[in-house]
Amino acid sequence: MSADNRKPDDTDGTTGHEWDGIRELNNPLPRWWLYIFYATIVWAIGYVVLYPAIPGLDEASKGLLGWSSRREVASEMQAVGQARAATIERIEATPLADLRHDRELMRIAVEGGRSAYKVYCVQCHGSGAAGSPGYPNLNDDDWLWGGDLAAIEATLRHGIRATDDESTRNSMMPAFGRDGILQAAQIDDVVEHVRQLSRQPFDAAGARRGAAVFAENCAVCHGPAGAGMREVGAPDLTDAIWLYGGDRATLARTVHGPRGGVMPAWEKRLGPATVKQLAAYVHSLGGGE
């Protein structure tokens, strides 16, 4: 329909626009909708005036009420800390050996340790505490330094080869290949002997030669049968549980030049109560003794 042929009343209640015979209506908005819309404008202006809202170069506007989300969170955290203070004091005052005899306190300690683990330990040991090459699995019953509550707490407190703690756990395996203590052929032979100890496929002739090399160089720490010595942090070589791996190449790499992994000394960073809770949690994972 052309503009010349349009009837005067054709635009009544419309905008005058038409597409394919469909006219665009020009109905007024409902009053209740307009009132709500105007109210939101007033509310927005009031919010900007009363609360931090307008960004600046360094910080947002303060607002007349002086409210701060950071201050609110800090206040809530302080309230939570005060509510937990009595329980934390009980955990800190309870000897570790007695903690497991108080079921409720032990449960609280385990849950507190679970939370701390997710913050400080999961990066290395994994969310399920199964570890990865170089980071031990905390679920099994294989422990370098012992798996009872006291041993786990001591490891957490002082760390492994931690330079900031004089009481840190320390174990030293010689770099048999790098320092020229053993020849490459001897390393290959002792690897075959270790594979025999761990019940893996091995070369019989090499294992026989490696047994003599092992007795002369390795038994002093790992024991004549390769069962390890917790006093010096020497691993059990018979259980097929490996920190870095038990294949030939990895074993040869370890004998040639050990890694010397490090774990932080956590007591100085977290405090004795949190360390005790972490020990309770790790012990509860299933491998604790």
C-alpha atoms as a PDB file:
ATOM      1  CA  MET A   1       0.000   0.000   0.000  1.00  0.00           C
ATOM      2  CA  SER A   2       1.507   3.328  -1.021  1.00  0.00           C
ATOM      3  CA  ALA A   3       1.521   6.383   1.225  1.00  0.00           C
ATOM      4  CA  ASP A   4      -0.850   8.162  -1.182  1.00  0.00           C
ATOM      5  CA  ASN A   5      -3.501   5.414  -0.906  1.00  0.00           C
ATOM      6  CA  ARG A   6      -3.291   5.113   2.915  1.00  0.00           C
ATOM      7  CA  LYS A   7      -6.490   5.965   4.729  1.00  0.00           C
ATOM      8  CA  PRO A   8      -6.292   8.553   7.531  1.00  0.00           C
ATOM      9  CA  ASP A   9      -7.186   6.009  10.195  1.00  0.00           C
ATOM     10  CA  ASP A  10      -4.650   3.446   8.979  1.00  0.00           C
ATOM     11  CA  THR A  11      -2.019   4.910  11.325  1.00  0.00           C
ATOM     12  CA  ASP A  12      -4.243   5.074  14.399  1.00  0.00           C
ATOM     13  CA  GLY A  13      -2.456   3.146  17.191  1.00  0.00           C
ATOM     14  CA  THR A  14       0.541   2.311  14.987  1.00  0.00           C
ATOM     15  CA  THR A  15       3.935   3.841  14.277  1.00  0.00           C
ATOM     16  CA  GLY A  16       3.125   4.058  10.596  1.00  0.00           C
ATOM     17  CA  HIS A  17       5.628   1.286   9.803  1.00  0.00           C
ATOM     18  CA  GLU A  18       4.564  -1.809   7.927  1.00  0.00           C
ATOM     19  CA  TRP A  19       6.400  -4.966   6.806  1.00  0.00           C
ATOM     20  CA  ASP A  20       4.715  -7.538   4.618  1.00  0.00           C
ATOM     21  CA  GLY A  21       1.290  -6.360   5.713  1.00  0.00           C
ATOM     22  CA  ILE A  22       2.226  -6.411   9.415  1.00  0.00           C
ATOM     23  CA  ARG A  23       1.794  -3.078  11.176  1.00  0.00           C
ATOM     24  CA  GLU A  24       3.917  -1.963  14.135  1.00  0.00           C
ATOM     25  CA  LEU A  25       1.662  -0.957  17.033  1.00  0.00           C
ATOM     26  CA  ASN A  26       2.345   2.118  19.098  1.00  0.00           C
ATOM     27  CA  ASN A  27       0.677   1.133  22.364  1.00  0.00           C
ATOM     28  CA  PRO A  28       1.730   2.995  25.526  1.00  0.00           C
ATOM     29  CA  LEU A  29       3.739   1.065  28.141  1.00  0.00           C
ATOM     30  CA  PRO A  30       1.782  -0.163  31.181  1.00  0.00           C
ATOM     31  CA  ARG A  31       1.931   2.321  34.035  1.00  0.00           C
ATOM     32  CA  TRP A  32       3.049  -0.328  36.535  1.00  0.00           C
ATOM     33  CA  TRP A  33       6.031  -1.109  34.291  1.00  0.00           C
ATOM     34  CA  LEU A  34       6.929   2.577  33.998  1.00  0.00           C
ATOM     35  CA  TYR A  35       6.721   3.045  37.761  1.00  0.00           C
ATOM     36  CA  ILE A  36       9.064   0.087  38.329  1.00  0.00           C
ATOM     37  CA  PHE A  37      11.445   1.439  35.710  1.00  0.00           C
ATOM     38  CA  TYR A  38      11.519   4.875  37.361  1.00  0.00           C
ATOM     39  CA  ALA A  39      12.009   3.222  40.765  1.00  0.00           C
ATOM     40  CA  THR A  40      15.074   1.338  39.499  1.00  0.00           C
ATOM     41  CA  ILE A  41      16.571   4.608  38.307  1.00  0.00           C
ATOM     42  CA  VAL A  42      16.048   6.161  41.747  1.00  0.00           C
ATOM     43  CA  TRP A  43      17.438   3.049  43.420  1.00  0.00           C
ATOM     44  CA  ALA A  44      20.539   3.084  41.187  1.00  0.00           C
ATOM     45  CA  ILE A  45      21.243   6.730  41.974  1.00  0.00           C
ATOM     46  CA  GLY A  46      20.814   6.037  45.695  1.00  0.00           C
ATOM     47  CA  TYR A  47      23.156   3.033  45.494  1.00  0.00           C
ATOM     48  CA  VAL A  48      25.866   5.044  43.733  1.00  0.00           C
ATOM     49  CA  VAL A  49      25.629   7.736  46.416  1.00  0.00           C
ATOM     50  CA  LEU A  50      25.566   5.389  49.424  1.00  0.00           C
ATOM     51  CA  TYR A  51      27.922   2.558  48.371  1.00  0.00           C
ATOM     52  CA  PRO A  52      31.273   2.227  46.552  1.00  0.00           C
ATOM     53  CA  ALA A  53      30.348   2.272  42.875  1.00  0.00           C
ATOM     54  CA  ILE A  54      32.247   4.782  40.740  1.00  0.00           C
ATOM     55  CA  PRO A  55      35.700   3.501  39.713  1.00  0.00           C
ATOM     56  CA  GLY A  56      38.648   5.836  40.032  1.00  0.00           C
ATOM     57  CA  LEU A  57      42.337   5.654  39.163  1.00  0.00           C
ATOM     58  CA  ASP A  58      43.324   4.090  42.502  1.00  0.00           C
ATOM     59  CA  GLU A  59      40.060   2.978  44.091  1.00  0.00           C
ATOM     60  CA  ALA A  60      36.298   3.257  43.811  1.00  0.00           C
ATOM     61  CA  SER A  61      34.215   5.956  45.457  1.00  0.00           C
ATOM     62  CA  LYS A  62      33.718   5.384  49.188  1.00  0.00           C
ATOM     63  CA  GLY A  63      29.975   6.002  49.395  1.00  0.00           C
ATOM     64  CA  LEU A  64      28.264   7.911  52.199  1.00  0.00           C
ATOM     65  CA  LEU A  65      27.763   4.749  54.294  1.00  0.00           C
ATOM     66  CA  GLY A  66      31.469   3.906  54.195  1.00  0.00           C
ATOM     67  CA  TRP A  67      30.674   0.222  53.538  1.00  0.00           C
ATOM     68  CA  SER A  68      33.496  -2.043  52.316  1.00  0.00           C
ATOM     69  CA  SER A  69      33.235  -5.639  51.096  1.00  0.00           C
ATOM     70  CA  ARG A  70      36.838  -6.279  52.180  1.00  0.00           C
ATOM     71  CA  ARG A  71      36.101  -5.027  55.675  1.00  0.00           C
ATOM     72  CA  GLU A  72      32.936  -7.141  55.742  1.00  0.00           C
ATOM     73  CA  VAL A  73      34.855 -10.294  54.793  1.00  0.00           C
ATOM     74  CA  ALA A  74      37.610  -9.512  57.309  1.00  0.00           C
ATOM     75  CA  SER A  75      34.993  -9.088  60.027  1.00  0.00           C
ATOM     76  CA  GLU A  76      33.348 -12.392  59.150  1.00  0.00           C
ATOM     77  CA  MET A  77      36.712 -14.171  59.056  1.00  0.00           C
ATOM     78  CA  GLN A  78      37.566 -12.755  62.462  1.00  0.00           C
ATOM     79  CA  ALA A  79      34.248 -13.994  63.838  1.00  0.00           C
ATOM     80  CA  VAL A  80      34.889 -17.478  62.419  1.00  0.00           C
ATOM     81  CA  GLY A  81      38.396 -17.444  63.875  1.00  0.00           C
ATOM     82  CA  GLN A  82      37.096 -16.525  67.306  1.00  0.00           C
ATOM     83  CA  ALA A  83      34.478 -19.276  67.126  1.00  0.00           C
ATOM     84  CA  ARG A  84      37.170 -21.819  66.212  1.00  0.00           C
ATOM     85  CA  ALA A  85      39.751 -20.559  68.681  1.00  0.00           C
ATOM     86  CA  ALA A  86      38.662 -22.783  71.555  1.00  0.00           C
ATOM     87  CA  THR A  87      38.720 -25.917  69.398  1.00  0.00           C
ATOM     88  CA  ILE A  88      42.100 -25.046  67.895  1.00  0.00           C
ATOM     89  CA  GLU A  89      43.490 -24.508  71.386  1.00  0.00           C
ATOM     90  CA  ARG A  90      42.184 -27.953  72.398  1.00  0.00           C
ATOM     91  CA  ILE A  91      43.842 -29.568  69.385  1.00  0.00           C
ATOM     92  CA  GLU A  92      47.103 -27.752  70.045  1.00  0.00           C
ATOM     93  CA  ALA A  93      47.054 -28.680  73.742  1.00  0.00           C
ATOM     94  CA  THR A  94      46.190 -32.353  73.176  1.00  0.00           C
ATOM     95  CA  PRO A  95      49.214 -34.617  72.705  1.00  0.00           C
ATOM     96  CA  LEU A  96      49.170 -36.285  69.318  1.00  0.00           C
ATOM     97  CA  ALA A  97      49.100 -39.750  70.881  1.00  0.00           C
ATOM     98  CA  ASP A  98      45.951 -38.811  72.823  1.00  0.00           C
ATOM     99  CA  LEU A  99      44.196 -37.107  69.922  1.00  0.00           C
ATOM    100  CA  ARG A 100      42.958 -40.354  68.390  1.00  0.00           C
ATOM    101  CA  HIS A 101      41.268 -41.344  71.679  1.00  0.00           C
ATOM    102  CA  ASP A 102      38.945 -38.313  71.492  1.00  0.00           C
ATOM    103  CA  ARG A 103      36.665 -39.195  68.574  1.00  0.00           C
ATOM    104  CA  GLU A 104      35.020 -35.807  68.221  1.00  0.00           C
ATOM    105  CA  LEU A 105      38.280 -33.875  68.453  1.00  0.00           C
ATOM    106  CA  MET A 106      39.937 -36.280  66.022  1.00  0.00           C
ATOM    107  CA  ARG A 107      37.070 -35.821  63.570  1.00  0.00           C
ATOM    108  CA  ILE A 108      37.454 -32.045  63.764  1.00  0.00           C
ATOM    109  CA  ALA A 109      41.222 -32.357  63.314  1.00  0.00           C
ATOM    110  CA  VAL A 110      40.812 -34.570  60.252  1.00  0.00           C
ATOM    111  CA  GLU A 111      38.347 -32.147  58.641  1.00  0.00           C
ATOM    112  CA  GLY A 112      40.616 -29.212  59.429  1.00  0.00           C
ATOM    113  CA  GLY A 113      43.532 -31.116  57.923  1.00  0.00           C
ATOM    114  CA  ARG A 114      41.466 -31.888  54.823  1.00  0.00           C
ATOM    115  CA  SER A 115      40.891 -28.164  54.279  1.00  0.00           C
ATOM    116  CA  ALA A 116      44.558 -27.313  54.856  1.00  0.00           C
ATOM    117  CA  TYR A 117      45.614 -30.106  52.479  1.00  0.00           C
ATOM    118  CA  LYS A 118      43.532 -28.613  49.666  1.00  0.00           C
ATOM    119  CA  VAL A 119      45.360 -25.313  50.099  1.00  0.00           C
ATOM    120  CA  TYR A 120      48.967 -26.340  50.761  1.00  0.00           C
ATOM    121  CA  CYS A 121      49.518 -29.952  49.630  1.00  0.00           C
ATOM    122  CA  VAL A 122      47.322 -30.699  46.639  1.00  0.00           C
ATOM    123  CA  GLN A 123      49.737 -29.015  44.214  1.00  0.00           C
ATOM    124  CA  CYS A 124      52.315 -31.788  44.690  1.00  0.00           C
ATOM    125  CA  HIS A 125      50.457 -34.795  46.084  1.00  0.00           C
ATOM    126  CA  GLY A 126      47.304 -34.357  43.979  1.00  0.00           C
ATOM    127  CA  SER A 127      43.663 -33.856  44.933  1.00  0.00           C
ATOM    128  CA  GLY A 128      43.296 -37.541  45.824  1.00  0.00           C
ATOM    129  CA  ALA A 129      46.730 -37.682  47.547  1.00  0.00           C
ATOM    130  CA  ALA A 130      47.845 -40.319  45.016  1.00  0.00           C
ATOM    131  CA  GLY A 131      51.024 -38.399  44.249  1.00  0.00           C
ATOM    132  CA  SER A 132      52.962 -38.387  40.985  1.00  0.00           C
ATOM    133  CA  PRO A 133      56.572 -39.123  39.961  1.00  0.00           C
ATOM    134  CA  GLY A 134      58.717 -37.530  42.651  1.00  0.00           C
ATOM    135  CA  TYR A 135      55.781 -36.910  45.015  1.00  0.00           C
ATOM    136  CA  PRO A 136      54.768 -39.856  47.208  1.00  0.00           C
ATOM    137  CA  ASN A 137      51.351 -41.460  47.306  1.00  0.00           C
ATOM    138  CA  LEU A 138      49.885 -40.775  50.748  1.00  0.00           C
ATOM    139  CA  ASN A 139      47.192 -43.455  50.459  1.00  0.00           C
ATOM    140  CA  ASP A 140      49.409 -46.539  50.484  1.00  0.00           C
ATOM    141  CA  ASP A 141      51.301 -48.078  53.417  1.00  0.00           C
ATOM    142  CA  ASP A 142      54.801 -47.319  52.082  1.00  0.00           C
ATOM    143  CA  TRP A 143      56.588 -44.727  54.212  1.00  0.00           C
ATOM    144  CA  LEU A 144      60.197 -43.587  53.995  1.00  0.00           C
ATOM    145  CA  TRP A 145      60.267 -42.237  57.540  1.00  0.00           C
ATOM    146  CA  GLY A 146      57.330 -44.020  59.171  1.00  0.00           C
ATOM    147  CA  GLY A 147      53.570 -43.787  58.890  1.00  0.00           C
ATOM    148  CA  ASP A 148      52.293 -43.434  62.437  1.00  0.00           C
ATOM    149  CA  LEU A 149      50.897 -40.123  63.632  1.00  0.00           C
ATOM    150  CA  ALA A 150      54.129 -39.026  65.313  1.00  0.00           C
ATOM    151  CA  ALA A 151      56.282 -39.822  62.275  1.00  0.00           C
ATOM    152  CA  ILE A 152      53.903 -38.070  59.875  1.00  0.00           C
ATOM    153  CA  GLU A 153      53.769 -35.014  62.119  1.00  0.00           C
ATOM    154  CA  ALA A 154      57.560 -34.890  62.351  1.00  0.00           C
ATOM    155  CA  THR A 155      57.868 -35.042  58.570  1.00  0.00           C
ATOM    156  CA  LEU A 156      55.333 -32.244  58.180  1.00  0.00           C
ATOM    157  CA  ARG A 157      56.904 -30.110  60.869  1.00  0.00           C
ATOM    158  CA  HIS A 158      60.480 -30.283  59.659  1.00  0.00           C
ATOM    159  CA  GLY A 159      60.109 -31.180  55.974  1.00  0.00           C
ATOM    160  CA  ILE A 160      62.456 -33.150  53.763  1.00  0.00           C
ATOM    161  CA  ARG A 161      65.813 -31.534  53.007  1.00  0.00           C
ATOM    162  CA  ALA A 162      64.322 -28.167  53.967  1.00  0.00           C
ATOM    163  CA  THR A 163      67.079 -25.594  54.194  1.00  0.00           C
ATOM    164  CA  ASP A 164      65.158 -23.434  56.682  1.00  0.00           C
ATOM    165  CA  ASP A 165      64.881 -26.125  59.387  1.00  0.00           C
ATOM    166  CA  GLU A 166      67.851 -27.642  61.189  1.00  0.00           C
ATOM    167  CA  SER A 167      65.792 -30.677  62.227  1.00  0.00           C
ATOM    168  CA  THR A 168      64.645 -31.472  58.697  1.00  0.00           C
ATOM    169  CA  ARG A 169      64.564 -35.061  57.467  1.00  0.00           C
ATOM    170  CA  ASN A 170      67.711 -35.770  55.504  1.00  0.00           C
ATOM    171  CA  SER A 171      68.700 -38.760  53.427  1.00  0.00           C
ATOM    172  CA  MET A 172      71.608 -38.884  51.070  1.00  0.00           C
ATOM    173  CA  MET A 173      72.098 -41.437  48.329  1.00  0.00           C
ATOM    174  CA  PRO A 174      75.467 -41.255  46.569  1.00  0.00           C
ATOM    175  CA  ALA A 175      75.566 -40.387  42.892  1.00  0.00           C
ATOM    176  CA  PHE A 176      77.134 -43.705  41.982  1.00  0.00           C
ATOM    177  CA  GLY A 177      77.493 -42.940  38.301  1.00  0.00           C
ATOM    178  CA  ARG A 178      78.005 -39.189  38.281  1.00  0.00           C
ATOM    179  CA  ASP A 179      80.734 -39.402  40.936  1.00  0.00           C
ATOM    180  CA  GLY A 180      82.432 -42.384  39.294  1.00  0.00           C
ATOM    181  CA  ILE A 181      81.771 -44.808  42.144  1.00  0.00           C
ATOM    182  CA  LEU A 182      80.304 -47.426  39.794  1.00  0.00           C
ATOM    183  CA  GLN A 183      80.835 -48.101  36.132  1.00  0.00           C
ATOM    184  CA  ALA A 184      77.922 -48.125  33.689  1.00  0.00           C
ATOM    185  CA  ALA A 185      77.990 -51.932  33.497  1.00  0.00           C
ATOM    186  CA  GLN A 186      77.843 -52.196  37.293  1.00  0.00           C
ATOM    187  CA  ILE A 187      74.865 -49.846  37.389  1.00  0.00           C
ATOM    188  CA  ASP A 188      73.078 -51.995  34.819  1.00  0.00           C
ATOM    189  CA  ASP A 189      73.796 -55.096  36.922  1.00  0.00           C
ATOM    190  CA  VAL A 190      72.566 -53.573  40.191  1.00  0.00           C
ATOM    191  CA  VAL A 191      69.398 -52.438  38.378  1.00  0.00           C
ATOM    192  CA  GLU A 192      68.754 -56.053  37.387  1.00  0.00           C
ATOM    193  CA  HIS A 193      69.257 -57.103  41.024  1.00  0.00           C
ATOM    194  CA  VAL A 194      66.787 -54.449  42.205  1.00  0.00           C
ATOM    195  CA  ARG A 195      64.278 -55.645  39.621  1.00  0.00           C
ATOM    196  CA  GLN A 196      64.722 -59.146  40.976  1.00  0.00           C
ATOM    197  CA  LEU A 197      64.114 -57.882  44.530  1.00  0.00           C
ATOM    198  CA  SER A 198      60.925 -56.159  43.398  1.00  0.00           C
ATOM    199  CA  ARG A 199      59.716 -59.265  41.521  1.00  0.00           C
ATOM    200  CA  GLN A 200      59.941 -57.713  38.079  1.00  0.00           C
ATOM    201  CA  PRO A 201      61.343 -59.385  34.941  1.00  0.00           C
ATOM    202  CA  PHE A 202      65.147 -59.416  35.242  1.00  0.00           C
ATOM    203  CA  ASP A 203      68.258 -60.707  33.581  1.00  0.00           C
ATOM    204  CA  ALA A 204      69.530 -63.576  35.739  1.00  0.00           C
ATOM    205  CA  ALA A 205      73.237 -63.169  34.940  1.00  0.00           C
ATOM    206  CA  GLY A 206      73.119 -59.427  35.488  1.00  0.00           C
ATOM    207  CA  ALA A 207      71.188 -59.860  38.731  1.00  0.00           C
ATOM    208  CA  ARG A 208      73.831 -62.265  40.056  1.00  0.00           C
ATOM    209  CA  ARG A 209      76.596 -59.786  39.350  1.00  0.00           C
ATOM    210  CA  GLY A 210      74.450 -56.957  40.697  1.00  0.00           C
ATOM    211  CA  ALA A 211      73.893 -58.758  44.001  1.00  0.00           C
ATOM    212  CA  ALA A 212      77.587 -58.400  44.806  1.00  0.00           C
ATOM    213  CA  VAL A 213      77.575 -54.733  43.808  1.00  0.00           C
ATOM    214  CA  PHE A 214      74.456 -54.174  45.914  1.00  0.00           C
ATOM    215  CA  ALA A 215      75.952 -55.871  48.970  1.00  0.00           C
ATOM    216  CA  GLU A 216      79.059 -53.717  48.765  1.00  0.00           C
ATOM    217  CA  ASN A 217      77.459 -50.344  48.002  1.00  0.00           C
ATOM    218  CA  CYS A 218      73.726 -50.327  48.780  1.00  0.00           C
ATOM    219  CA  ALA A 219      72.984 -52.780  51.598  1.00  0.00           C
ATOM    220  CA  VAL A 220      74.315 -50.409  54.241  1.00  0.00           C
ATOM    221  CA  CYS A 221      71.184 -48.241  53.797  1.00  0.00           C
ATOM    222  CA  HIS A 222      68.635 -50.456  52.049  1.00  0.00           C
ATOM    223  CA  GLY A 223      69.488 -53.558  54.082  1.00  0.00           C
ATOM    224  CA  PRO A 224      70.859 -56.885  52.822  1.00  0.00           C
ATOM    225  CA  ALA A 225      67.430 -57.920  51.534  1.00  0.00           C
ATOM    226  CA  GLY A 226      66.594 -54.443  50.166  1.00  0.00           C
ATOM    227  CA  ALA A 227      63.752 -53.868  52.638  1.00  0.00           C
ATOM    228  CA  GLY A 228      64.918 -50.326  53.421  1.00  0.00           C
ATOM    229  CA  MET A 229      65.737 -48.496  56.648  1.00  0.00           C
ATOM    230  CA  ARG A 230      63.438 -45.820  58.012  1.00  0.00           C
ATOM    231  CA  GLU A 231      66.143 -44.480  60.281  1.00  0.00           C
ATOM    232  CA  VAL A 232      67.907 -43.032  57.243  1.00  0.00           C
ATOM    233  CA  GLY A 233      64.896 -42.670  54.930  1.00  0.00           C
ATOM    234  CA  ALA A 234      66.058 -45.471  52.601  1.00  0.00           C
ATOM    235  CA  PRO A 235      63.108 -46.907  50.624  1.00  0.00           C
ATOM    236  CA  ASP A 236      61.993 -50.517  50.553  1.00  0.00           C
ATOM    237  CA  LEU A 237      63.067 -51.928  47.187  1.00  0.00           C
ATOM    238  CA  THR A 238      61.007 -55.106  47.473  1.00  0.00           C
ATOM    239  CA  ASP A 239      57.445 -53.743  47.469  1.00  0.00           C
ATOM    240  CA  ALA A 240      57.265 -52.479  43.853  1.00  0.00           C
ATOM    241  CA  ILE A 241      56.229 -49.010  45.071  1.00  0.00           C
ATOM    242  CA  TRP A 242      58.411 -46.377  43.458  1.00  0.00           C
ATOM    243  CA  LEU A 243      58.783 -42.658  43.946  1.00  0.00           C
ATOM    244  CA  TYR A 244      60.143 -42.031  40.444  1.00  0.00           C
ATOM    245  CA  GLY A 245      59.496 -45.344  38.692  1.00  0.00           C
ATOM    246  CA  GLY A 246      60.754 -48.929  38.603  1.00  0.00           C
ATOM    247  CA  ASP A 247      61.552 -49.431  34.927  1.00  0.00           C
ATOM    248  CA  ARG A 248      65.167 -50.025  33.924  1.00  0.00           C
ATOM    249  CA  ALA A 249      65.839 -46.540  32.573  1.00  0.00           C
ATOM    250  CA  THR A 250      64.419 -44.796  35.653  1.00  0.00           C
ATOM    251  CA  LEU A 251      66.255 -47.083  38.079  1.00  0.00           C
ATOM    252  CA  ALA A 252      69.523 -46.537  36.216  1.00  0.00           C
ATOM    253  CA  ARG A 253      68.927 -42.769  36.303  1.00  0.00           C
ATOM    254  CA  THR A 254      68.346 -42.919  40.066  1.00  0.00           C
ATOM    255  CA  VAL A 255      71.500 -44.956  40.722  1.00  0.00           C
ATOM    256  CA  HIS A 256      73.551 -42.728  38.428  1.00  0.00           C
ATOM    257  CA  GLY A 257      72.493 -39.510  40.191  1.00  0.00           C
ATOM    258  CA  PRO A 258      69.710 -39.333  42.796  1.00  0.00           C
ATOM    259  CA  ARG A 259      67.135 -36.525  42.654  1.00  0.00           C
ATOM    260  CA  GLY A 260      67.096 -35.364  46.270  1.00  0.00           C
ATOM    261  CA  GLY A 261      63.509 -34.106  46.391  1.00  0.00           C
ATOM    262  CA  VAL A 262      62.485 -31.375  48.832  1.00  0.00           C
ATOM    263  CA  MET A 263      59.374 -30.835  50.965  1.00  0.00           C
ATOM    264  CA  PRO A 264      58.892 -27.582  52.930  1.00  0.00           C
ATOM    265  CA  ALA A 265      59.027 -27.487  56.721  1.00  0.00           C
ATOM    266  CA  TRP A 266      55.412 -26.576  57.410  1.00  0.00           C
ATOM    267  CA  GLU A 267      55.403 -25.791  61.128  1.00  0.00           C
ATOM    268  CA  LYS A 268      56.981 -22.366  60.706  1.00  0.00           C
ATOM    269  CA  ARG A 269      54.458 -21.480  58.011  1.00  0.00           C
ATOM    270  CA  LEU A 270      51.273 -23.026  59.361  1.00  0.00           C
ATOM    271  CA  GLY A 271      51.761 -23.389  63.114  1.00  0.00           C
ATOM    272  CA  PRO A 272      51.636 -26.529  65.282  1.00  0.00           C
ATOM    273  CA  ALA A 273      47.831 -26.839  65.351  1.00  0.00           C
ATOM    274  CA  THR A 274      47.466 -26.914  61.551  1.00  0.00           C
ATOM    275  CA  VAL A 275      50.387 -29.329  61.216  1.00  0.00           C
ATOM    276  CA  LYS A 276      48.728 -31.613  63.752  1.00  0.00           C
ATOM    277  CA  GLN A 277      45.479 -31.478  61.785  1.00  0.00           C
ATOM    278  CA  LEU A 278      47.328 -32.259  58.550  1.00  0.00           C
ATOM    279  CA  ALA A 279      48.989 -35.238  60.239  1.00  0.00           C
ATOM    280  CA  ALA A 280      45.593 -36.499  61.383  1.00  0.00           C
ATOM    281  CA  TYR A 281      44.176 -36.136  57.868  1.00  0.00           C
ATOM    282  CA  VAL A 282      47.087 -37.850  56.115  1.00  0.00           C
ATOM    283  CA  HIS A 283      46.982 -40.653  58.668  1.00  0.00           C
ATOM    284  CA  SER A 284      43.267 -41.109  57.975  1.00  0.00           C
ATOM    285  CA  LEU A 285      43.737 -41.638  54.234  1.00  0.00           C
ATOM    286  CA  GLY A 286      44.212 -45.372  54.697  1.00  0.00           C
ATOM    287  CA  GLY A 287      47.948 -45.940  54.813  1.00  0.00           C
ATOM    288  CA  GLY A 288      48.557 -44.654  58.324  1.00  0.00           C
ATOM    289  CA  GLU A 289      50.064 -47.088  60.791  1.00  0.00           C
END
